[in-house]
């Protein structure tokens, strides 16, 4: 039967649609193809979001609060959500005080990328550095570097919480060297960019890392009262 043939070809969207309503050939074929395309797009999106591991998986640009004095320009964020900056391998740096909404905005842009078929990955910097250290010990260091280099949008949260040691500096340099002018990165930090040299430490490596991040990055400084505090209803 037709349904079994569709299933054997893994055309699950078409098979499901066929169950719902018998149709004339041309009309039916068009509808079945539309259903199959929609099914595959939905499956791809679910897979991309699963792999992205966004902290706020449901974050979206449409729900960002532009009313408060937060240093956010609606036209700029709308433009960034079109993902043209990712296609040009540019970066975004989000700075501001704790609770300002940096992580939510980063995840919203990550969600937008996934909806456009672009692979993304969210990770806090302390966790990333821990994974790098473990990979050195178990022999998977080059494999991890290769994996990170292939993600089209890497979101690194909580940059600058702690000062970096020598090995951590070199790990980050390897990551950004692989991604430079090939992939895009979003970095969120409470520490302003002009203080990053102090966070990284050794001047030569700091220069090398910042050269690969900052010079082609959109810098957005969030301001205002903590969004967490507002959401909790506190004054």
Protein backbone atom coordinates (compact mmCIF):
# COMPACT_ATOMS: atom_id res chain seq x y z
CA UNK A 1 0.00 0.00 0.00
CA UNK A 2 0.99 3.63 -0.52
CA UNK A 3 1.33 4.35 3.18
CA UNK A 4 3.75 1.45 3.69
CA UNK A 5 5.83 2.62 0.74
CA UNK A 6 6.04 6.13 2.15
CA UNK A 7 7.10 4.76 5.53
CA UNK A 8 9.74 2.56 3.91
CA UNK A 9 11.17 5.69 2.28
CA UNK A 10 11.09 7.44 5.68
CA UNK A 11 8.60 9.99 4.36
CA UNK A 12 6.84 10.17 7.70
CA UNK A 13 5.22 13.55 7.19
CA UNK A 14 3.62 12.40 3.93
CA UNK A 15 2.45 9.16 5.48
CA UNK A 16 0.80 10.98 8.38
CA UNK A 17 -0.93 13.40 6.01
CA UNK A 18 -2.22 10.53 3.89
CA UNK A 19 -3.98 9.11 6.92
CA UNK A 20 -5.84 12.34 7.53
CA UNK A 21 -7.58 12.88 4.21
CA UNK A 22 -7.75 11.13 0.78
CA UNK A 23 -7.09 13.61 -2.06
CA UNK A 24 -6.98 13.94 -5.82
CA UNK A 25 -3.57 13.11 -7.25
CA UNK A 26 -2.10 16.57 -8.00
CA UNK A 27 -3.67 18.25 -5.00
CA UNK A 28 -2.73 15.34 -2.82
CA UNK A 29 0.86 15.18 -4.03
CA UNK A 30 1.39 18.90 -3.39
CA UNK A 31 -0.09 18.63 0.07
CA UNK A 32 1.90 15.52 0.90
CA UNK A 33 5.12 17.22 -0.18
CA UNK A 34 4.28 20.32 1.86
CA UNK A 35 3.61 18.12 4.88
CA UNK A 36 6.89 16.26 4.39
CA UNK A 37 8.87 19.50 4.12
CA UNK A 38 7.22 20.90 7.25
CA UNK A 39 7.83 17.63 9.09
CA UNK A 40 11.53 17.63 8.21
CA UNK A 41 11.96 21.30 9.10
CA UNK A 42 10.32 20.73 12.47
CA UNK A 43 12.49 17.68 13.09
CA UNK A 44 15.63 19.63 12.15
CA UNK A 45 14.68 22.50 14.47
CA UNK A 46 14.03 20.15 17.39
CA UNK A 47 17.41 18.49 16.79
CA UNK A 48 19.26 21.82 16.51
CA UNK A 49 17.68 23.11 19.72
CA UNK A 50 18.51 19.87 21.51
CA UNK A 51 22.16 20.12 20.49
CA UNK A 52 22.30 23.85 21.24
CA UNK A 53 21.56 23.23 24.95
CA UNK A 54 20.33 26.79 25.36
CA UNK A 55 19.88 27.83 28.99
CA UNK A 56 16.58 29.42 27.99
CA UNK A 57 15.36 27.11 25.24
CA UNK A 58 12.16 29.09 24.67
CA UNK A 59 13.86 32.50 24.52
CA UNK A 60 12.89 34.45 21.43
CA UNK A 61 13.55 37.91 20.05
CA UNK A 62 9.81 38.63 19.82
CA UNK A 63 9.48 38.54 23.62
CA UNK A 64 12.44 40.79 24.47
CA UNK A 65 11.49 43.81 26.57
CA UNK A 66 12.47 46.96 24.66
CA UNK A 67 10.36 49.31 26.78
CA UNK A 68 12.72 49.64 29.72
CA UNK A 69 15.89 51.71 29.48
CA UNK A 70 18.12 48.71 28.89
CA UNK A 71 20.45 49.93 26.16
CA UNK A 72 18.71 47.73 23.60
CA UNK A 73 17.76 49.07 20.19
CA UNK A 74 14.82 47.18 18.71
CA UNK A 75 15.93 47.79 15.12
CA UNK A 76 19.43 46.46 15.84
CA UNK A 77 18.19 43.31 17.59
CA UNK A 78 15.63 42.69 14.84
CA UNK A 79 18.40 42.99 12.27
CA UNK A 80 20.65 40.62 14.21
CA UNK A 81 17.82 38.09 14.43
CA UNK A 82 17.92 37.81 10.63
CA UNK A 83 21.28 36.02 11.14
CA UNK A 84 23.17 37.95 8.46
CA UNK A 85 25.99 38.55 10.95
CA UNK A 86 26.44 34.79 11.34
CA UNK A 87 26.72 34.33 7.59
CA UNK A 88 29.48 36.96 7.68
CA UNK A 89 31.21 35.19 10.60
CA UNK A 90 30.94 38.19 12.92
CA UNK A 91 30.67 38.10 16.72
CA UNK A 92 28.48 39.69 19.39
CA UNK A 93 29.66 40.85 22.81
CA UNK A 94 26.96 41.43 25.44
CA UNK A 95 28.04 43.22 28.60
CA UNK A 96 26.14 44.56 31.57
CA UNK A 97 25.36 43.97 35.24
CA UNK A 98 24.01 40.71 36.59
CA UNK A 99 20.33 40.17 35.84
CA UNK A 100 20.36 42.62 32.91
CA UNK A 101 19.19 39.95 30.48
CA UNK A 102 22.45 39.12 28.69
CA UNK A 103 21.93 35.37 28.80
CA UNK A 104 18.30 35.60 27.66
CA UNK A 105 19.25 37.80 24.72
CA UNK A 106 22.09 35.44 23.76
CA UNK A 107 19.73 32.46 23.89
CA UNK A 108 17.09 34.34 21.87
CA UNK A 109 19.65 34.94 19.13
CA UNK A 110 20.70 31.30 19.39
CA UNK A 111 17.07 30.24 19.02
CA UNK A 112 16.77 32.50 15.97
CA UNK A 113 19.83 30.84 14.45
CA UNK A 114 18.40 27.36 15.01
CA UNK A 115 15.10 28.39 13.39
CA UNK A 116 17.16 29.37 10.36
CA UNK A 117 18.86 25.98 10.21
CA UNK A 118 22.10 27.21 11.82
CA UNK A 119 23.85 25.04 14.41
CA UNK A 120 24.44 26.62 17.83
CA UNK A 121 25.86 25.64 21.21
CA UNK A 122 25.47 27.38 24.56
CA UNK A 123 27.99 26.85 27.34
CA UNK A 124 29.16 28.77 30.41
CA UNK A 125 32.86 29.62 30.32
CA UNK A 126 33.67 27.75 33.57
CA UNK A 127 32.08 24.58 32.12
CA UNK A 128 33.89 25.03 28.81
CA UNK A 129 37.25 25.37 30.52
CA UNK A 130 36.48 22.31 32.65
CA UNK A 131 35.64 20.28 29.54
CA UNK A 132 38.90 21.40 27.93
CA UNK A 133 40.86 20.28 30.99
CA UNK A 134 39.15 16.88 31.09
CA UNK A 135 39.70 16.36 27.36
CA UNK A 136 43.43 16.88 27.83
CA UNK A 137 43.45 14.13 30.43
CA UNK A 138 41.42 11.57 28.48
CA UNK A 139 42.98 12.20 25.06
CA UNK A 140 39.94 13.79 23.42
CA UNK A 141 41.35 17.34 23.28
CA UNK A 142 41.69 17.56 19.49
CA UNK A 143 38.27 15.96 19.02
CA UNK A 144 36.68 18.57 21.29
CA UNK A 145 38.47 21.41 19.49
CA UNK A 146 37.25 20.07 16.16
CA UNK A 147 33.68 19.82 17.47
CA UNK A 148 33.74 23.40 18.74
CA UNK A 149 35.21 24.67 15.49
CA UNK A 150 32.28 23.28 13.49
CA UNK A 151 29.49 24.91 15.50
CA UNK A 152 28.38 27.92 13.49
CA UNK A 153 27.28 29.89 16.55
CA UNK A 154 29.06 29.32 19.86
CA UNK A 155 27.52 31.11 22.86
CA UNK A 156 29.93 31.55 25.78
CA UNK A 157 28.17 32.78 28.92
CA UNK A 158 29.67 34.23 32.11
CA UNK A 159 32.96 35.39 30.60
CA UNK A 160 35.38 36.94 33.10
CA UNK A 161 34.01 35.52 36.34
CA UNK A 162 37.50 34.27 37.25
CA UNK A 163 41.00 35.16 36.12
CA UNK A 164 42.46 32.68 33.62
CA UNK A 165 45.51 30.54 34.22
CA UNK A 166 48.14 29.73 31.59
CA UNK A 167 46.46 26.57 30.29
CA UNK A 168 43.02 28.20 30.11
CA UNK A 169 44.43 31.13 28.13
CA UNK A 170 45.97 28.78 25.60
CA UNK A 171 42.80 26.69 25.34
CA UNK A 172 40.74 29.78 24.52
CA UNK A 173 43.29 30.94 21.98
CA UNK A 174 43.03 27.57 20.22
CA UNK A 175 39.22 27.81 20.15
CA UNK A 176 39.13 31.34 18.79
CA UNK A 177 41.92 30.72 16.31
CA UNK A 178 39.90 27.86 14.79
CA UNK A 179 36.77 30.01 14.61
CA UNK A 180 38.32 33.30 13.48
CA UNK A 181 36.59 34.64 10.34
CA UNK A 182 34.94 31.24 9.85
CA UNK A 183 32.35 30.98 12.63
CA UNK A 184 30.45 33.34 14.95
CA UNK A 185 30.58 33.63 18.72
CA UNK A 186 28.39 35.40 21.28
CA UNK A 187 30.09 36.27 24.57
CA UNK A 188 28.26 37.56 27.65
CA UNK A 189 30.17 39.25 30.45
CA UNK A 190 29.66 41.46 33.47
CA UNK A 191 33.20 42.72 32.96
CA UNK A 192 33.51 45.52 30.39
CA UNK A 193 35.64 44.80 27.33
CA UNK A 194 38.37 47.25 28.36
CA UNK A 195 39.02 45.07 31.43
CA UNK A 196 39.37 41.79 29.53
CA UNK A 197 43.17 42.06 29.32
CA UNK A 198 43.25 41.81 33.10
CA UNK A 199 40.95 38.77 33.08
CA UNK A 200 42.96 36.91 30.45
CA UNK A 201 46.31 37.75 32.00
CA UNK A 202 49.43 37.35 29.86
CA UNK A 203 49.51 40.39 27.50
CA UNK A 204 50.63 38.63 24.31
CA UNK A 205 47.98 35.92 24.49
CA UNK A 206 45.38 38.47 25.61
CA UNK A 207 46.11 40.54 22.52
CA UNK A 208 45.82 37.47 20.31
CA UNK A 209 42.50 36.37 21.81
CA UNK A 210 40.93 39.82 21.74
CA UNK A 211 42.10 40.40 18.18
CA UNK A 212 40.07 37.36 17.14
CA UNK A 213 36.96 38.34 19.12
CA UNK A 214 36.53 42.08 19.45
CA UNK A 215 37.51 43.67 16.16
CA UNK A 216 34.63 42.25 14.13
CA UNK A 217 32.07 42.15 16.95
CA UNK A 218 28.85 44.02 17.62
CA UNK A 219 29.13 45.34 21.17
CA UNK A 220 25.88 45.75 23.11
CA UNK A 221 25.96 47.18 26.64
CA UNK A 222 22.84 46.37 28.64
CA UNK A 223 21.89 48.77 31.39
CA UNK A 224 19.14 49.32 33.91
CA UNK A 225 17.69 47.48 36.86
CA UNK A 226 17.94 43.70 37.13
CA UNK A 227 15.27 41.98 35.01
CA UNK A 228 15.15 39.14 37.54
CA UNK A 229 14.27 41.61 40.24
CA UNK A 230 11.53 43.13 38.11
CA UNK A 231 10.11 39.72 37.24
CA UNK A 232 9.98 38.78 40.91
CA UNK A 233 7.83 41.85 41.59
CA UNK A 234 10.32 43.52 43.89
CA UNK A 235 10.84 47.27 43.82
